[in-house]
Amino acid sequence: MAKTLYIERRENMTYNLRAEMARLGIKNTDISNAIKVNEKTFRNKLNGLTPFTFPETKIIRDTFFAELKLEYLFENLEHKKVR
């Protein structure tokens, strides 16, 4: 019987955001400009080093992903299942 290993990943909170950005061809600079932060600050947020504010999450969703829910874009996937 195979064991299931759970690993924590810092970028899990932005996994769906990253996927949707890639799917639509949205660049880091596009979002950093929309939320009025420099690109390094946005990368820190994307990598989980600093948190997104609620207003930032709403701007990102409303500007780039209006058809998606905030809960989906910023879903907190605490553990990723690996086999």
C-alpha atoms as a PDB file:
ATOM      1  CA  MET A   1       0.000   0.000   0.000  1.00  0.00           C
ATOM      2  CA  ALA A   2       1.445   3.347  -1.052  1.00  0.00           C
ATOM      3  CA  LYS A   3       2.018   5.978   1.585  1.00  0.00           C
ATOM      4  CA  THR A   4       0.698   9.467   1.106  1.00  0.00           C
ATOM      5  CA  LEU A   5       3.102  12.281   1.857  1.00  0.00           C
ATOM      6  CA  TYR A   6       1.923  15.793   2.598  1.00  0.00           C
ATOM      7  CA  ILE A   7       4.319  18.635   2.044  1.00  0.00           C
ATOM      8  CA  GLU A   8       3.749  22.269   2.856  1.00  0.00           C
ATOM      9  CA  ARG A   9       4.522  24.734   0.139  1.00  0.00           C
ATOM     10  CA  ARG A  10       4.811  28.453   0.635  1.00  0.00           C
ATOM     11  CA  GLU A  11       3.306  29.287  -2.760  1.00  0.00           C
ATOM     12  CA  ASN A  12       0.211  27.129  -2.241  1.00  0.00           C
ATOM     13  CA  MET A  13      -1.932  30.113  -1.431  1.00  0.00           C
ATOM     14  CA  THR A  14      -1.280  31.511  -4.903  1.00  0.00           C
ATOM     15  CA  TYR A  15      -1.303  28.242  -6.838  1.00  0.00           C
ATOM     16  CA  ASN A  16      -4.623  28.995  -8.579  1.00  0.00           C
ATOM     17  CA  LEU A  17      -3.689  32.630  -9.149  1.00  0.00           C
ATOM     18  CA  ARG A  18      -0.446  31.552 -10.815  1.00  0.00           C
ATOM     19  CA  ALA A  19      -2.273  28.992 -12.954  1.00  0.00           C
ATOM     20  CA  GLU A  20      -4.848  31.524 -14.125  1.00  0.00           C
ATOM     21  CA  MET A  21      -2.151  34.092 -14.866  1.00  0.00           C
ATOM     22  CA  ALA A  22      -0.348  31.550 -17.045  1.00  0.00           C
ATOM     23  CA  ARG A  23      -3.564  30.449 -18.750  1.00  0.00           C
ATOM     24  CA  LEU A  24      -4.454  34.025 -19.732  1.00  0.00           C
ATOM     25  CA  GLY A  25      -0.896  35.295 -20.322  1.00  0.00           C
ATOM     26  CA  ILE A  26      -1.054  37.850 -17.518  1.00  0.00           C
ATOM     27  CA  LYS A  27       2.376  39.029 -16.417  1.00  0.00           C
ATOM     28  CA  ASN A  28       3.591  40.004 -12.961  1.00  0.00           C
ATOM     29  CA  THR A  29       3.973  43.606 -14.140  1.00  0.00           C
ATOM     30  CA  ASP A  30       0.326  43.702 -15.227  1.00  0.00           C
ATOM     31  CA  ILE A  31      -0.873  42.864 -11.736  1.00  0.00           C
ATOM     32  CA  SER A  32       1.777  44.857  -9.876  1.00  0.00           C
ATOM     33  CA  ASN A  33       0.718  47.952 -11.837  1.00  0.00           C
ATOM     34  CA  ALA A  34      -2.958  47.301 -11.104  1.00  0.00           C
ATOM     35  CA  ILE A  35      -2.405  47.042  -7.336  1.00  0.00           C
ATOM     36  CA  LYS A  36       0.138  49.886  -7.392  1.00  0.00           C
ATOM     37  CA  VAL A  37       3.140  48.039  -5.977  1.00  0.00           C
ATOM     38  CA  ASN A  38       6.524  47.446  -7.569  1.00  0.00           C
ATOM     39  CA  GLU A  39       7.205  44.109  -9.215  1.00  0.00           C
ATOM     40  CA  LYS A  40       9.475  42.877  -6.391  1.00  0.00           C
ATOM     41  CA  THR A  41       6.719  43.521  -3.844  1.00  0.00           C
ATOM     42  CA  PHE A  42       4.258  41.624  -6.019  1.00  0.00           C
ATOM     43  CA  ARG A  43       6.683  38.693  -6.354  1.00  0.00           C
ATOM     44  CA  ASN A  44       7.051  38.663  -2.555  1.00  0.00           C
ATOM     45  CA  LYS A  45       3.267  38.476  -2.236  1.00  0.00           C
ATOM     46  CA  LEU A  46       3.042  35.783  -4.908  1.00  0.00           C
ATOM     47  CA  ASN A  47       5.733  33.759  -3.130  1.00  0.00           C
ATOM     48  CA  GLY A  48       4.044  34.089   0.250  1.00  0.00           C
ATOM     49  CA  LEU A  49       6.701  36.296   1.838  1.00  0.00           C
ATOM     50  CA  THR A  50       4.214  39.103   2.439  1.00  0.00           C
ATOM     51  CA  PRO A  51       0.418  38.843   2.408  1.00  0.00           C
ATOM     52  CA  PHE A  52      -1.990  40.319  -0.099  1.00  0.00           C
ATOM     53  CA  THR A  53      -4.388  42.816   1.409  1.00  0.00           C
ATOM     54  CA  PHE A  54      -8.089  42.237   0.897  1.00  0.00           C
ATOM     55  CA  PRO A  55      -8.394  45.326  -1.346  1.00  0.00           C
ATOM     56  CA  GLU A  56      -5.506  43.993  -3.474  1.00  0.00           C
ATOM     57  CA  THR A  57      -7.226  40.637  -3.915  1.00  0.00           C
ATOM     58  CA  LYS A  58     -10.415  42.393  -5.017  1.00  0.00           C
ATOM     59  CA  ILE A  59      -8.548  44.580  -7.531  1.00  0.00           C
ATOM     60  CA  ILE A  60      -6.787  41.525  -8.976  1.00  0.00           C
ATOM     61  CA  ARG A  61     -10.008  39.564  -9.288  1.00  0.00           C
ATOM     62  CA  ASP A  62     -12.098  42.464 -10.627  1.00  0.00           C
ATOM     63  CA  THR A  63      -9.457  43.598 -13.134  1.00  0.00           C
ATOM     64  CA  PHE A  64      -8.207  40.281 -14.505  1.00  0.00           C
ATOM     65  CA  PHE A  65     -10.473  37.439 -13.391  1.00  0.00           C
ATOM     66  CA  ALA A  66     -13.988  38.872 -13.032  1.00  0.00           C
ATOM     67  CA  GLU A  67     -15.610  35.504 -13.722  1.00  0.00           C
ATOM     68  CA  LEU A  68     -13.713  33.755 -10.900  1.00  0.00           C
ATOM     69  CA  LYS A  69     -14.316  33.752  -7.162  1.00  0.00           C
ATOM     70  CA  LEU A  70     -11.841  35.226  -4.706  1.00  0.00           C
ATOM     71  CA  GLU A  71     -11.978  31.987  -2.719  1.00  0.00           C
ATOM     72  CA  TYR A  72     -10.741  30.084  -5.766  1.00  0.00           C
ATOM     73  CA  LEU A  73      -7.991  32.516  -6.772  1.00  0.00           C
ATOM     74  CA  PHE A  74      -6.567  32.775  -3.279  1.00  0.00           C
ATOM     75  CA  GLU A  75      -7.442  29.309  -2.028  1.00  0.00           C
ATOM     76  CA  ASN A  76      -5.187  28.241   0.802  1.00  0.00           C
ATOM     77  CA  LEU A  77      -3.961  24.783  -0.119  1.00  0.00           C
ATOM     78  CA  GLU A  78      -2.209  23.995   3.119  1.00  0.00           C
ATOM     79  CA  HIS A  79      -0.943  20.650   1.933  1.00  0.00           C
ATOM     80  CA  LYS A  80      -0.348  19.241  -1.490  1.00  0.00           C
ATOM     81  CA  LYS A  81      -0.926  15.528  -1.813  1.00  0.00           C
ATOM     82  CA  VAL A  82       2.040  13.703  -3.339  1.00  0.00           C
ATOM     83  CA  ARG A  83       2.228  10.014  -4.129  1.00  0.00           C
END
